[in-house]
């Protein structure tokens, strides 16, 4: 709950800041408030995308890892809650082999190990941001059942399984994602500010303004 409110507050704060400084008309300047708000949101997204594309591959990989971890963690916890007392929820169902329930930390470990090993073997900076997505998803699948791994019994819906390590990790990852997202917006502002120049030539330096020295007359 606190993490969700923090996310909304940070996002609203960034939209408000861009609204005050951007091209969208302020509420005091227009009667069409909804279109102005939509324009401010669109401009904020454009700045975030521009900043995301301009940062280093390491920062992009970090953001992808944290974002995929948070999304996977929340999605898996929601689906697991929906599956309580049901056979399936849409395409999702409990996976059972014989009488053994296969928990989702098993594919999580495989996904995380596979993508991590691929990143180590390839050592390709352009590939690392893409591999960070399945790595974060694998972490989310695995750490969602961290209490089960620690207790060696199914405590998924007990207080030990709901609280503790899982929530703290999710909140930490969410806050890290928010921090990087704000950095992307700030970087995007600088990138687009440079790109929106009028195309004029930069002013000449003092050395360029000085006339060339006259060559000595031939004797």
N, C-alpha and C. Protein backbone atom coordinates (compact mmCIF):
# COMPACT_ATOMS: atom_id res chain seq x y z
N UNK A 1 0.83 -1.20 0.00
CA UNK A 1 0.00 0.00 0.00
C UNK A 1 0.87 1.25 0.00
N UNK A 2 1.84 1.28 0.92
CA UNK A 2 2.73 2.44 0.99
C UNK A 2 3.53 2.58 -0.29
N UNK A 3 4.02 1.43 -0.81
CA UNK A 3 4.79 1.48 -2.05
C UNK A 3 3.95 2.00 -3.21
N UNK A 4 2.69 1.56 -3.27
CA UNK A 4 1.81 2.03 -4.34
C UNK A 4 1.54 3.51 -4.25
N UNK A 5 1.28 4.00 -3.03
CA UNK A 5 1.06 5.43 -2.85
C UNK A 5 2.31 6.23 -3.18
N UNK A 6 3.48 5.69 -2.84
CA UNK A 6 4.73 6.37 -3.18
C UNK A 6 4.90 6.48 -4.69
N UNK A 7 4.57 5.40 -5.39
CA UNK A 7 4.67 5.41 -6.85
C UNK A 7 3.77 6.47 -7.45
N UNK A 8 2.52 6.51 -7.00
CA UNK A 8 1.57 7.49 -7.52
C UNK A 8 2.04 8.91 -7.21
N UNK A 9 2.54 9.12 -5.99
CA UNK A 9 2.98 10.46 -5.59
C UNK A 9 4.16 10.93 -6.43
N UNK A 10 5.13 10.04 -6.65
CA UNK A 10 6.31 10.42 -7.44
C UNK A 10 5.90 10.71 -8.88
N UNK A 11 5.06 9.84 -9.46
CA UNK A 11 4.62 10.05 -10.84
C UNK A 11 3.85 11.36 -10.98
N UNK A 12 2.95 11.62 -10.04
CA UNK A 12 2.18 12.86 -10.09
C UNK A 12 3.08 14.08 -9.93
N UNK A 13 4.08 13.96 -9.06
CA UNK A 13 5.01 15.08 -8.87
C UNK A 13 5.80 15.39 -10.13
N UNK A 14 6.23 14.35 -10.83
CA UNK A 14 6.98 14.57 -12.07
C UNK A 14 6.10 15.16 -13.16
N UNK A 15 4.86 14.67 -13.27
CA UNK A 15 3.95 15.25 -14.26
C UNK A 15 3.68 16.71 -13.95
N UNK A 16 3.48 17.02 -12.67
CA UNK A 16 3.24 18.41 -12.29
C UNK A 16 4.43 19.30 -12.58
N UNK A 17 5.62 18.79 -12.36
CA UNK A 17 6.83 19.59 -12.62
C UNK A 17 6.98 19.86 -14.11
N UNK A 18 6.76 18.82 -14.93
CA UNK A 18 6.86 19.00 -16.38
C UNK A 18 5.74 19.90 -16.88
N UNK A 19 4.57 19.80 -16.26
CA UNK A 19 3.44 20.65 -16.65
C UNK A 19 3.78 22.12 -16.44
N UNK A 20 4.42 22.43 -15.32
CA UNK A 20 4.78 23.83 -15.04
C UNK A 20 5.86 24.34 -15.99
N UNK A 21 6.76 23.45 -16.42
CA UNK A 21 7.90 23.89 -17.21
C UNK A 21 7.77 23.59 -18.69
N UNK A 22 6.78 22.76 -19.06
CA UNK A 22 6.69 22.29 -20.44
C UNK A 22 5.78 23.13 -21.31
N UNK A 23 5.35 22.49 -22.39
CA UNK A 23 4.57 23.21 -23.40
C UNK A 23 3.07 23.18 -23.14
N UNK A 24 2.61 22.30 -22.25
CA UNK A 24 1.17 22.21 -21.98
C UNK A 24 0.70 23.46 -21.24
N UNK A 25 -0.47 24.00 -21.60
CA UNK A 25 -0.98 25.18 -20.89
C UNK A 25 -1.32 24.85 -19.44
N UNK A 26 -1.03 25.78 -18.55
CA UNK A 26 -1.33 25.60 -17.14
C UNK A 26 -2.83 25.68 -16.90
N UNK A 27 -3.31 25.11 -15.79
CA UNK A 27 -4.75 25.19 -15.50
C UNK A 27 -5.29 26.61 -15.48
N UNK A 28 -4.45 27.56 -15.05
CA UNK A 28 -4.89 28.96 -15.01
C UNK A 28 -4.92 29.60 -16.39
N UNK A 29 -4.37 28.91 -17.39
CA UNK A 29 -4.26 29.49 -18.73
C UNK A 29 -5.26 28.89 -19.72
N UNK A 30 -6.02 27.89 -19.30
CA UNK A 30 -6.94 27.24 -20.23
C UNK A 30 -8.17 26.74 -19.48
N UNK A 31 -9.25 26.63 -20.23
CA UNK A 31 -10.47 26.04 -19.68
C UNK A 31 -10.56 24.56 -20.00
N UNK A 32 -9.74 24.09 -20.93
CA UNK A 32 -9.71 22.67 -21.30
C UNK A 32 -8.67 21.97 -20.44
N UNK A 33 -9.06 21.62 -19.22
CA UNK A 33 -8.10 21.07 -18.28
C UNK A 33 -7.66 19.66 -18.65
N UNK A 34 -8.60 18.82 -19.08
CA UNK A 34 -8.27 17.43 -19.38
C UNK A 34 -7.29 17.30 -20.55
N UNK A 35 -7.52 17.99 -21.68
CA UNK A 35 -6.52 17.91 -22.76
C UNK A 35 -5.16 18.44 -22.33
N UNK A 36 -5.15 19.48 -21.51
CA UNK A 36 -3.86 20.01 -21.04
C UNK A 36 -3.15 18.99 -20.16
N UNK A 37 -3.91 18.31 -19.31
CA UNK A 37 -3.30 17.28 -18.46
C UNK A 37 -2.77 16.13 -19.30
N UNK A 38 -3.52 15.73 -20.32
CA UNK A 38 -3.07 14.66 -21.20
C UNK A 38 -1.78 15.06 -21.92
N UNK A 39 -1.70 16.31 -22.34
CA UNK A 39 -0.49 16.78 -23.00
C UNK A 39 0.70 16.77 -22.05
N UNK A 40 0.47 17.14 -20.79
CA UNK A 40 1.54 17.12 -19.80
C UNK A 40 2.02 15.69 -19.53
N UNK A 41 1.08 14.75 -19.44
CA UNK A 41 1.46 13.35 -19.24
C UNK A 41 2.24 12.83 -20.44
N UNK A 42 1.77 13.16 -21.64
CA UNK A 42 2.46 12.72 -22.86
C UNK A 42 3.88 13.27 -22.91
N UNK A 43 4.03 14.54 -22.55
CA UNK A 43 5.36 15.15 -22.57
C UNK A 43 6.27 14.50 -21.53
N UNK A 44 5.72 14.16 -20.37
CA UNK A 44 6.52 13.48 -19.34
C UNK A 44 6.99 12.13 -19.83
N UNK A 45 6.11 11.39 -20.49
CA UNK A 45 6.49 10.08 -21.04
C UNK A 45 7.56 10.24 -22.10
N UNK A 46 7.42 11.24 -22.96
CA UNK A 46 8.42 11.48 -24.01
C UNK A 46 9.79 11.76 -23.39
N UNK A 47 9.80 12.56 -22.34
CA UNK A 47 11.07 12.88 -21.68
C UNK A 47 11.67 11.63 -21.04
N UNK A 48 10.81 10.81 -20.41
CA UNK A 48 11.32 9.59 -19.78
C UNK A 48 11.90 8.64 -20.82
N UNK A 49 11.23 8.52 -21.97
CA UNK A 49 11.73 7.64 -23.04
C UNK A 49 13.05 8.17 -23.59
N UNK A 50 13.12 9.49 -23.80
CA UNK A 50 14.36 10.08 -24.31
C UNK A 50 15.50 9.87 -23.33
N UNK A 51 15.23 10.04 -22.04
CA UNK A 51 16.26 9.80 -21.04
C UNK A 51 16.66 8.34 -20.96
N UNK A 52 15.68 7.45 -21.08
CA UNK A 52 15.96 6.01 -21.06
C UNK A 52 16.88 5.62 -22.21
N UNK A 53 16.65 6.20 -23.37
CA UNK A 53 17.46 5.86 -24.54
C UNK A 53 18.84 6.49 -24.51
N UNK A 54 19.02 7.51 -23.67
CA UNK A 54 20.29 8.24 -23.66
C UNK A 54 21.26 7.75 -22.59
N UNK A 55 20.76 7.01 -21.59
CA UNK A 55 21.64 6.60 -20.49
C UNK A 55 22.54 5.46 -20.93
N UNK A 56 23.48 5.13 -20.07
CA UNK A 56 24.43 4.06 -20.37
C UNK A 56 23.73 2.71 -20.33
N UNK A 57 24.27 1.70 -21.02
CA UNK A 57 23.68 0.36 -20.97
C UNK A 57 23.57 -0.20 -19.56
N UNK A 58 24.50 0.17 -18.69
CA UNK A 58 24.45 -0.34 -17.31
C UNK A 58 23.24 0.20 -16.57
N UNK A 59 22.95 1.50 -16.74
CA UNK A 59 21.78 2.08 -16.09
C UNK A 59 20.49 1.49 -16.68
N UNK A 60 20.47 1.30 -17.99
CA UNK A 60 19.30 0.70 -18.62
C UNK A 60 19.07 -0.71 -18.10
N UNK A 61 20.15 -1.48 -17.99
CA UNK A 61 20.03 -2.85 -17.49
C UNK A 61 19.52 -2.86 -16.05
N UNK A 62 20.01 -1.93 -15.23
CA UNK A 62 19.56 -1.86 -13.84
C UNK A 62 18.07 -1.55 -13.77
N UNK A 63 17.63 -0.59 -14.57
CA UNK A 63 16.21 -0.25 -14.58
C UNK A 63 15.37 -1.43 -15.06
N UNK A 64 15.80 -2.09 -16.14
CA UNK A 64 15.05 -3.24 -16.66
C UNK A 64 14.94 -4.34 -15.62
N UNK A 65 16.04 -4.59 -14.91
CA UNK A 65 16.04 -5.64 -13.89
C UNK A 65 15.06 -5.31 -12.77
N UNK A 66 15.13 -4.08 -12.25
CA UNK A 66 14.26 -3.70 -11.14
C UNK A 66 12.80 -3.68 -11.58
N UNK A 67 12.54 -3.12 -12.76
CA UNK A 67 11.15 -3.03 -13.23
C UNK A 67 10.55 -4.41 -13.47
N UNK A 68 11.31 -5.30 -14.11
CA UNK A 68 10.78 -6.64 -14.37
C UNK A 68 10.60 -7.41 -13.08
N UNK A 69 11.49 -7.18 -12.10
CA UNK A 69 11.34 -7.83 -10.80
C UNK A 69 10.03 -7.40 -10.13
N UNK A 70 9.78 -6.10 -10.10
CA UNK A 70 8.57 -5.59 -9.44
C UNK A 70 7.32 -6.09 -10.15
N UNK A 71 7.30 -5.99 -11.48
CA UNK A 71 6.12 -6.41 -12.23
C UNK A 71 5.85 -7.91 -12.06
N UNK A 72 6.92 -8.70 -12.10
CA UNK A 72 6.75 -10.15 -11.93
C UNK A 72 6.27 -10.48 -10.53
N UNK A 73 6.88 -9.84 -9.54
CA UNK A 73 6.51 -10.10 -8.15
C UNK A 73 5.03 -9.80 -7.91
N UNK A 74 4.60 -8.63 -8.35
CA UNK A 74 3.20 -8.23 -8.14
C UNK A 74 2.26 -9.13 -8.93
N UNK A 75 2.62 -9.44 -10.17
CA UNK A 75 1.75 -10.27 -11.01
C UNK A 75 1.60 -11.68 -10.44
N UNK A 76 2.72 -12.27 -10.03
CA UNK A 76 2.67 -13.64 -9.51
C UNK A 76 1.89 -13.69 -8.21
N UNK A 77 2.11 -12.72 -7.33
CA UNK A 77 1.38 -12.70 -6.07
C UNK A 77 -0.12 -12.54 -6.32
N UNK A 78 -0.49 -11.72 -7.30
CA UNK A 78 -1.90 -11.52 -7.62
C UNK A 78 -2.53 -12.79 -8.19
N UNK A 79 -1.82 -13.43 -9.13
CA UNK A 79 -2.35 -14.66 -9.73
C UNK A 79 -2.46 -15.76 -8.67
N UNK A 80 -1.46 -15.87 -7.80
CA UNK A 80 -1.52 -16.89 -6.75
C UNK A 80 -2.70 -16.65 -5.81
N UNK A 81 -2.98 -15.39 -5.52
CA UNK A 81 -4.13 -15.07 -4.67
C UNK A 81 -5.44 -15.45 -5.37
N UNK A 82 -5.51 -15.18 -6.68
CA UNK A 82 -6.71 -15.53 -7.43
C UNK A 82 -6.90 -17.04 -7.52
N UNK A 83 -5.79 -17.79 -7.52
CA UNK A 83 -5.86 -19.25 -7.67
C UNK A 83 -6.29 -19.96 -6.39
N UNK A 84 -6.33 -19.27 -5.28
CA UNK A 84 -6.71 -19.93 -4.03
C UNK A 84 -8.13 -20.48 -4.14
N UNK A 85 -8.26 -21.79 -4.02
CA UNK A 85 -9.57 -22.43 -4.09
C UNK A 85 -10.10 -22.59 -5.49
N UNK A 86 -9.27 -22.34 -6.52
CA UNK A 86 -9.71 -22.48 -7.90
C UNK A 86 -8.76 -23.39 -8.65
N UNK A 87 -9.27 -23.95 -9.75
CA UNK A 87 -8.42 -24.79 -10.59
C UNK A 87 -7.53 -23.96 -11.51
N UNK A 88 -8.07 -22.85 -11.99
CA UNK A 88 -7.28 -22.03 -12.91
C UNK A 88 -7.85 -20.61 -12.91
N UNK A 89 -7.02 -19.69 -13.33
CA UNK A 89 -7.41 -18.30 -13.55
C UNK A 89 -6.92 -17.92 -14.94
N UNK A 90 -7.83 -17.90 -15.90
CA UNK A 90 -7.42 -17.67 -17.28
C UNK A 90 -6.48 -18.78 -17.72
N UNK A 91 -5.32 -18.42 -18.27
CA UNK A 91 -4.38 -19.46 -18.70
C UNK A 91 -3.52 -20.02 -17.57
N UNK A 92 -3.64 -19.47 -16.38
CA UNK A 92 -2.78 -19.85 -15.26
C UNK A 92 -3.46 -20.92 -14.41
N UNK A 93 -2.66 -21.91 -13.98
CA UNK A 93 -3.15 -22.97 -13.12
C UNK A 93 -1.98 -23.53 -12.32
N UNK A 94 -2.29 -24.23 -11.25
CA UNK A 94 -1.24 -24.89 -10.48
C UNK A 94 -0.64 -26.02 -11.30
N UNK A 95 0.69 -26.09 -11.30
CA UNK A 95 1.40 -27.10 -12.09
C UNK A 95 1.74 -28.27 -11.17
N UNK A 96 1.19 -29.42 -11.49
CA UNK A 96 1.36 -30.61 -10.66
C UNK A 96 1.87 -31.75 -11.52
N UNK A 97 2.93 -32.42 -11.03
CA UNK A 97 3.44 -33.63 -11.66
C UNK A 97 3.23 -34.77 -10.67
N UNK A 98 2.35 -35.69 -11.04
CA UNK A 98 2.00 -36.74 -10.09
C UNK A 98 1.25 -36.14 -8.92
N UNK A 99 1.82 -36.27 -7.74
CA UNK A 99 1.24 -35.64 -6.55
C UNK A 99 2.10 -34.49 -6.05
N UNK A 100 3.08 -34.10 -6.86
CA UNK A 100 4.01 -33.05 -6.43
C UNK A 100 3.65 -31.73 -7.09
N UNK A 101 3.44 -30.72 -6.26
CA UNK A 101 3.17 -29.37 -6.76
C UNK A 101 4.49 -28.68 -7.08
N UNK A 102 4.64 -28.26 -8.32
CA UNK A 102 5.86 -27.57 -8.74
C UNK A 102 5.67 -26.08 -8.48
N UNK A 103 6.41 -25.57 -7.52
CA UNK A 103 6.29 -24.15 -7.17
C UNK A 103 6.98 -23.29 -8.22
N UNK A 104 6.56 -22.01 -8.28
CA UNK A 104 7.08 -21.16 -9.34
C UNK A 104 8.50 -20.68 -9.09
N UNK A 105 9.08 -21.00 -7.93
CA UNK A 105 10.49 -20.65 -7.76
C UNK A 105 11.38 -21.55 -8.63
N UNK A 106 10.86 -22.71 -9.06
CA UNK A 106 11.66 -23.61 -9.90
C UNK A 106 11.92 -22.99 -11.27
N UNK A 107 10.88 -22.58 -12.03
CA UNK A 107 11.20 -21.88 -13.29
C UNK A 107 11.90 -20.55 -13.05
N UNK A 108 11.64 -19.92 -11.90
CA UNK A 108 12.33 -18.67 -11.60
C UNK A 108 13.84 -18.85 -11.52
N UNK A 109 14.26 -19.90 -10.83
CA UNK A 109 15.69 -20.19 -10.72
C UNK A 109 16.28 -20.49 -12.09
N UNK A 110 15.58 -21.27 -12.88
CA UNK A 110 16.08 -21.63 -14.21
C UNK A 110 16.21 -20.39 -15.10
N UNK A 111 15.20 -19.52 -15.06
CA UNK A 111 15.23 -18.31 -15.88
C UNK A 111 16.36 -17.38 -15.44
N UNK A 112 16.49 -17.18 -14.13
CA UNK A 112 17.54 -16.29 -13.63
C UNK A 112 18.93 -16.85 -13.93
N UNK A 113 19.12 -18.13 -13.69
CA UNK A 113 20.42 -18.74 -13.97
C UNK A 113 20.74 -18.69 -15.47
N UNK A 114 19.74 -18.98 -16.30
CA UNK A 114 19.98 -18.99 -17.74
C UNK A 114 20.34 -17.62 -18.28
N UNK A 115 19.58 -16.59 -17.90
CA UNK A 115 19.87 -15.25 -18.40
C UNK A 115 21.16 -14.71 -17.81
N UNK A 116 21.43 -15.01 -16.54
CA UNK A 116 22.68 -14.57 -15.94
C UNK A 116 23.89 -15.22 -16.59
N UNK A 117 23.78 -16.51 -16.87
CA UNK A 117 24.88 -17.20 -17.54
C UNK A 117 25.09 -16.66 -18.94
N UNK A 118 23.99 -16.35 -19.64
CA UNK A 118 24.11 -15.79 -20.99
C UNK A 118 24.82 -14.44 -20.96
N UNK A 119 24.50 -13.63 -19.94
CA UNK A 119 25.16 -12.32 -19.83
C UNK A 119 26.65 -12.47 -19.57
N UNK A 120 27.02 -13.46 -18.76
CA UNK A 120 28.44 -13.67 -18.45
C UNK A 120 29.18 -14.20 -19.67
N UNK A 121 28.56 -15.13 -20.39
CA UNK A 121 29.23 -15.75 -21.53
C UNK A 121 29.38 -14.77 -22.69
N UNK A 122 28.32 -14.03 -22.99
CA UNK A 122 28.37 -13.14 -24.15
C UNK A 122 29.17 -11.88 -23.87
N UNK A 123 29.06 -11.34 -22.65
CA UNK A 123 29.76 -10.10 -22.28
C UNK A 123 29.53 -9.02 -23.33
N UNK A 124 28.26 -8.86 -23.70
CA UNK A 124 27.87 -7.88 -24.71
C UNK A 124 27.05 -6.79 -24.03
N UNK A 125 27.57 -5.56 -24.01
CA UNK A 125 26.87 -4.47 -23.33
C UNK A 125 25.52 -4.18 -23.96
N UNK A 126 25.40 -4.37 -25.27
CA UNK A 126 24.12 -4.11 -25.93
C UNK A 126 23.09 -5.17 -25.58
N UNK A 127 23.54 -6.37 -25.25
CA UNK A 127 22.63 -7.46 -24.93
C UNK A 127 22.22 -7.47 -23.45
N UNK A 128 23.05 -6.89 -22.60
CA UNK A 128 22.79 -6.95 -21.16
C UNK A 128 21.46 -6.32 -20.76
N UNK A 129 21.06 -5.15 -21.31
CA UNK A 129 19.75 -4.61 -20.92
C UNK A 129 18.60 -5.54 -21.26
N UNK A 130 18.72 -6.30 -22.35
CA UNK A 130 17.66 -7.25 -22.71
C UNK A 130 17.67 -8.46 -21.78
N UNK A 131 18.85 -8.95 -21.45
CA UNK A 131 18.94 -10.10 -20.55
C UNK A 131 18.53 -9.74 -19.13
N UNK A 132 18.61 -8.46 -18.79
CA UNK A 132 18.21 -8.04 -17.44
C UNK A 132 16.72 -8.25 -17.21
N UNK A 133 15.92 -8.24 -18.27
CA UNK A 133 14.47 -8.42 -18.12
C UNK A 133 14.14 -9.84 -17.64
N UNK A 134 14.59 -10.90 -18.33
CA UNK A 134 14.30 -12.24 -17.78
C UNK A 134 15.01 -12.50 -16.46
N UNK A 135 16.17 -11.89 -16.24
CA UNK A 135 16.85 -12.08 -14.96
C UNK A 135 16.01 -11.51 -13.82
N UNK A 136 15.46 -10.31 -14.01
CA UNK A 136 14.60 -9.73 -12.99
C UNK A 136 13.33 -10.53 -12.79
N UNK A 137 12.77 -11.05 -13.90
CA UNK A 137 11.57 -11.88 -13.78
C UNK A 137 11.87 -13.16 -13.00
N UNK A 138 13.02 -13.77 -13.28
CA UNK A 138 13.40 -14.97 -12.53
C UNK A 138 13.59 -14.68 -11.06
N UNK A 139 14.18 -13.52 -10.75
CA UNK A 139 14.32 -13.12 -9.35
C UNK A 139 12.96 -12.96 -8.68
N UNK A 140 12.02 -12.34 -9.41
CA UNK A 140 10.69 -12.15 -8.85
C UNK A 140 9.99 -13.46 -8.56
N UNK A 141 10.09 -14.41 -9.49
CA UNK A 141 9.47 -15.72 -9.29
C UNK A 141 10.10 -16.46 -8.11
N UNK A 142 11.40 -16.32 -7.97
CA UNK A 142 12.11 -17.05 -6.91
C UNK A 142 11.88 -16.40 -5.55
N UNK A 143 12.08 -15.09 -5.46
CA UNK A 143 11.99 -14.42 -4.17
C UNK A 143 10.55 -14.31 -3.68
N UNK A 144 9.58 -14.46 -4.57
CA UNK A 144 8.19 -14.48 -4.11
C UNK A 144 7.96 -15.66 -3.17
N UNK A 145 8.72 -16.72 -3.34
CA UNK A 145 8.60 -17.89 -2.47
C UNK A 145 9.83 -18.05 -1.59
N UNK A 146 10.46 -16.94 -1.25
CA UNK A 146 11.66 -17.01 -0.42
C UNK A 146 11.35 -17.58 0.96
N UNK A 147 10.15 -17.29 1.49
CA UNK A 147 9.79 -17.83 2.80
C UNK A 147 9.71 -19.35 2.76
N UNK A 148 9.20 -19.89 1.66
CA UNK A 148 9.13 -21.35 1.52
C UNK A 148 10.54 -21.94 1.50
N UNK A 149 11.45 -21.28 0.80
CA UNK A 149 12.82 -21.77 0.72
C UNK A 149 13.52 -21.68 2.08
N UNK A 150 13.18 -20.66 2.86
CA UNK A 150 13.82 -20.50 4.17
C UNK A 150 13.23 -21.45 5.20
N UNK A 151 11.91 -21.62 5.17
CA UNK A 151 11.25 -22.45 6.17
C UNK A 151 11.21 -23.93 5.78
N UNK A 152 11.46 -24.22 4.49
CA UNK A 152 11.39 -25.59 3.97
C UNK A 152 10.01 -26.21 4.16
N UNK A 153 9.00 -25.37 4.14
CA UNK A 153 7.62 -25.83 4.15
C UNK A 153 6.76 -24.74 3.52
N UNK A 154 5.56 -25.13 3.09
CA UNK A 154 4.71 -24.21 2.36
C UNK A 154 4.04 -23.23 3.32
N UNK A 155 4.68 -22.06 3.47
CA UNK A 155 4.13 -21.02 4.35
C UNK A 155 3.74 -19.80 3.51
N UNK A 156 3.38 -20.06 2.24
CA UNK A 156 3.15 -18.97 1.30
C UNK A 156 2.11 -17.98 1.80
N UNK A 157 1.01 -18.49 2.36
CA UNK A 157 -0.07 -17.61 2.80
C UNK A 157 -0.09 -17.43 4.31
N UNK A 158 0.95 -17.86 4.99
CA UNK A 158 1.06 -17.61 6.42
C UNK A 158 1.68 -16.23 6.63
N UNK A 159 1.64 -15.69 7.85
CA UNK A 159 2.29 -14.39 8.09
C UNK A 159 3.76 -14.39 7.71
N UNK A 160 4.43 -15.53 7.91
CA UNK A 160 5.84 -15.58 7.54
C UNK A 160 6.04 -15.46 6.03
N UNK A 161 5.06 -15.96 5.27
CA UNK A 161 5.20 -15.93 3.82
C UNK A 161 4.79 -14.61 3.20
N UNK A 162 3.89 -13.89 3.85
CA UNK A 162 3.38 -12.65 3.27
C UNK A 162 4.26 -11.46 3.63
N UNK A 163 4.76 -11.45 4.84
CA UNK A 163 5.54 -10.31 5.32
C UNK A 163 7.03 -10.60 5.25
N UNK A 164 7.81 -9.68 5.77
CA UNK A 164 9.24 -9.93 5.91
C UNK A 164 10.04 -9.63 4.67
N UNK A 165 10.82 -10.63 4.28
CA UNK A 165 11.81 -10.42 3.22
C UNK A 165 11.16 -10.00 1.91
N UNK A 166 10.04 -10.61 1.57
CA UNK A 166 9.44 -10.35 0.27
C UNK A 166 9.01 -8.89 0.12
N UNK A 167 8.29 -8.39 1.11
CA UNK A 167 7.81 -7.02 1.02
C UNK A 167 8.97 -6.03 1.01
N UNK A 168 9.96 -6.27 1.85
CA UNK A 168 11.10 -5.35 1.90
C UNK A 168 11.84 -5.33 0.57
N UNK A 169 12.01 -6.50 -0.05
CA UNK A 169 12.68 -6.55 -1.34
C UNK A 169 11.85 -5.85 -2.41
N UNK A 170 10.54 -6.06 -2.39
CA UNK A 170 9.69 -5.43 -3.40
C UNK A 170 9.72 -3.91 -3.26
N UNK A 171 9.64 -3.42 -2.03
CA UNK A 171 9.66 -1.97 -1.82
C UNK A 171 11.00 -1.39 -2.22
N UNK A 172 12.09 -2.08 -1.88
CA UNK A 172 13.41 -1.60 -2.25
C UNK A 172 13.56 -1.52 -3.76
N UNK A 173 13.13 -2.57 -4.45
CA UNK A 173 13.22 -2.56 -5.91
C UNK A 173 12.34 -1.47 -6.51
N UNK A 174 11.15 -1.28 -5.95
CA UNK A 174 10.25 -0.26 -6.47
C UNK A 174 10.84 1.13 -6.30
N UNK A 175 11.40 1.40 -5.13
CA UNK A 175 12.01 2.71 -4.91
C UNK A 175 13.20 2.92 -5.84
N UNK A 176 13.99 1.86 -6.04
CA UNK A 176 15.11 1.98 -6.98
C UNK A 176 14.64 2.27 -8.39
N UNK A 177 13.53 1.62 -8.79
CA UNK A 177 12.97 1.88 -10.11
C UNK A 177 12.50 3.32 -10.24
N UNK A 178 11.86 3.82 -9.19
CA UNK A 178 11.38 5.20 -9.22
C UNK A 178 12.54 6.19 -9.33
N UNK A 179 13.61 5.93 -8.59
CA UNK A 179 14.77 6.83 -8.65
C UNK A 179 15.35 6.86 -10.05
N UNK A 180 15.51 5.69 -10.66
CA UNK A 180 16.04 5.64 -12.02
C UNK A 180 15.07 6.29 -13.00
N UNK A 181 13.77 6.10 -12.79
CA UNK A 181 12.79 6.72 -13.68
C UNK A 181 12.86 8.23 -13.64
N UNK A 182 13.02 8.79 -12.45
CA UNK A 182 13.16 10.25 -12.33
C UNK A 182 14.44 10.72 -13.02
N UNK A 183 15.50 9.94 -12.89
CA UNK A 183 16.75 10.29 -13.58
C UNK A 183 16.55 10.29 -15.10
N UNK A 184 15.77 9.33 -15.60
CA UNK A 184 15.50 9.30 -17.04
C UNK A 184 14.78 10.56 -17.49
N UNK A 185 13.81 11.00 -16.69
CA UNK A 185 13.06 12.20 -17.06
C UNK A 185 13.98 13.41 -17.09
N UNK A 186 14.83 13.55 -16.07
CA UNK A 186 15.76 14.68 -16.04
C UNK A 186 16.72 14.62 -17.23
N UNK A 187 17.21 13.41 -17.53
CA UNK A 187 18.11 13.27 -18.67
C UNK A 187 17.38 13.58 -19.97
N UNK A 188 16.12 13.14 -20.07
CA UNK A 188 15.34 13.42 -21.27
C UNK A 188 15.12 14.90 -21.49
N UNK A 189 14.95 15.65 -20.39
CA UNK A 189 14.80 17.10 -20.52
C UNK A 189 16.03 17.71 -21.16
N UNK A 190 17.20 17.27 -20.73
CA UNK A 190 18.44 17.82 -21.30
C UNK A 190 18.60 17.41 -22.76
N UNK A 191 18.26 16.14 -23.06
CA UNK A 191 18.42 15.66 -24.44
C UNK A 191 17.50 16.42 -25.38
N UNK A 192 16.22 16.55 -25.02
CA UNK A 192 15.27 17.23 -25.90
C UNK A 192 15.52 18.72 -25.96
N UNK A 193 16.06 19.29 -24.88
CA UNK A 193 16.39 20.72 -24.91
C UNK A 193 17.47 20.98 -25.95
N UNK A 194 18.45 20.09 -26.04
CA UNK A 194 19.50 20.23 -27.05
C UNK A 194 18.94 19.98 -28.44
N UNK A 195 18.07 18.96 -28.54
CA UNK A 195 17.52 18.62 -29.85
C UNK A 195 16.56 19.64 -30.40
N UNK A 196 15.98 20.49 -29.53
CA UNK A 196 15.01 21.49 -29.98
C UNK A 196 15.66 22.81 -30.36
N UNK A 197 16.98 22.82 -30.53
CA UNK A 197 17.65 24.06 -30.92
C UNK A 197 17.21 24.51 -32.30
N UNK A 198 17.50 25.76 -32.62
CA UNK A 198 17.04 26.32 -33.89
C UNK A 198 17.93 25.97 -35.06
N UNK A 199 18.95 25.13 -34.80
CA UNK A 199 19.81 24.71 -35.89
C UNK A 199 20.88 25.72 -36.26
N UNK A 200 20.98 26.84 -35.52
CA UNK A 200 21.98 27.85 -35.84
C UNK A 200 23.37 27.33 -35.50
N UNK A 201 24.33 27.85 -36.19
CA UNK A 201 25.70 27.46 -35.93
C UNK A 201 26.13 27.97 -34.56
N UNK A 202 26.93 27.23 -33.83
CA UNK A 202 27.39 27.71 -32.54
C UNK A 202 28.28 28.93 -32.72
N UNK A 203 28.31 29.82 -31.73
CA UNK A 203 29.14 31.02 -31.86
C UNK A 203 30.61 30.66 -32.01
N UNK A 204 31.29 31.48 -32.77
CA UNK A 204 32.70 31.22 -33.02
C UNK A 204 33.51 31.49 -31.76
N UNK A 205 34.56 30.73 -31.60
CA UNK A 205 35.45 30.93 -30.48
C UNK A 205 36.35 32.13 -30.76
N UNK A 206 36.98 32.71 -29.73
CA UNK A 206 37.88 33.85 -29.97
C UNK A 206 38.96 33.53 -30.99
N UNK A 207 39.49 32.32 -30.95
CA UNK A 207 40.54 31.97 -31.91
C UNK A 207 40.01 31.97 -33.34
N UNK A 208 38.72 31.54 -33.49
CA UNK A 208 38.14 31.49 -34.83
C UNK A 208 37.81 32.89 -35.34
N UNK A 209 37.52 33.83 -34.41
CA UNK A 209 37.17 35.18 -34.83
C UNK A 209 38.40 36.00 -35.24
N UNK A 210 39.59 35.61 -34.77
CA UNK A 210 40.78 36.37 -35.12
C UNK A 210 41.14 36.14 -36.58
N UNK A 211 41.48 37.19 -37.30
CA UNK A 211 41.87 37.01 -38.70
C UNK A 211 43.19 36.26 -38.77
N UNK A 212 43.39 35.51 -39.82
CA UNK A 212 44.66 34.78 -39.94
C UNK A 212 45.83 35.74 -40.07
N UNK A 213 46.93 35.34 -39.52
CA UNK A 213 48.13 36.19 -39.58
C UNK A 213 48.59 36.33 -41.02
N UNK A 214 48.98 37.57 -41.37
CA UNK A 214 49.43 37.83 -42.75
C UNK A 214 50.76 37.15 -42.99
N UNK A 215 50.87 36.52 -44.13
CA UNK A 215 52.13 35.87 -44.47
C UNK A 215 53.13 36.91 -44.93
N UNK A 216 54.40 36.74 -44.65
CA UNK A 216 55.40 37.73 -45.05
C UNK A 216 55.48 37.86 -46.57
N UNK A 217 55.66 39.11 -47.00
CA UNK A 217 55.76 39.36 -48.45
C UNK A 217 57.02 38.73 -48.99
N UNK A 218 56.96 38.21 -50.21
CA UNK A 218 58.17 37.61 -50.79
C UNK A 218 59.24 38.66 -51.03
N UNK A 219 60.48 38.32 -50.76
CA UNK A 219 61.57 39.26 -50.91
C UNK A 219 61.93 39.51 -52.35
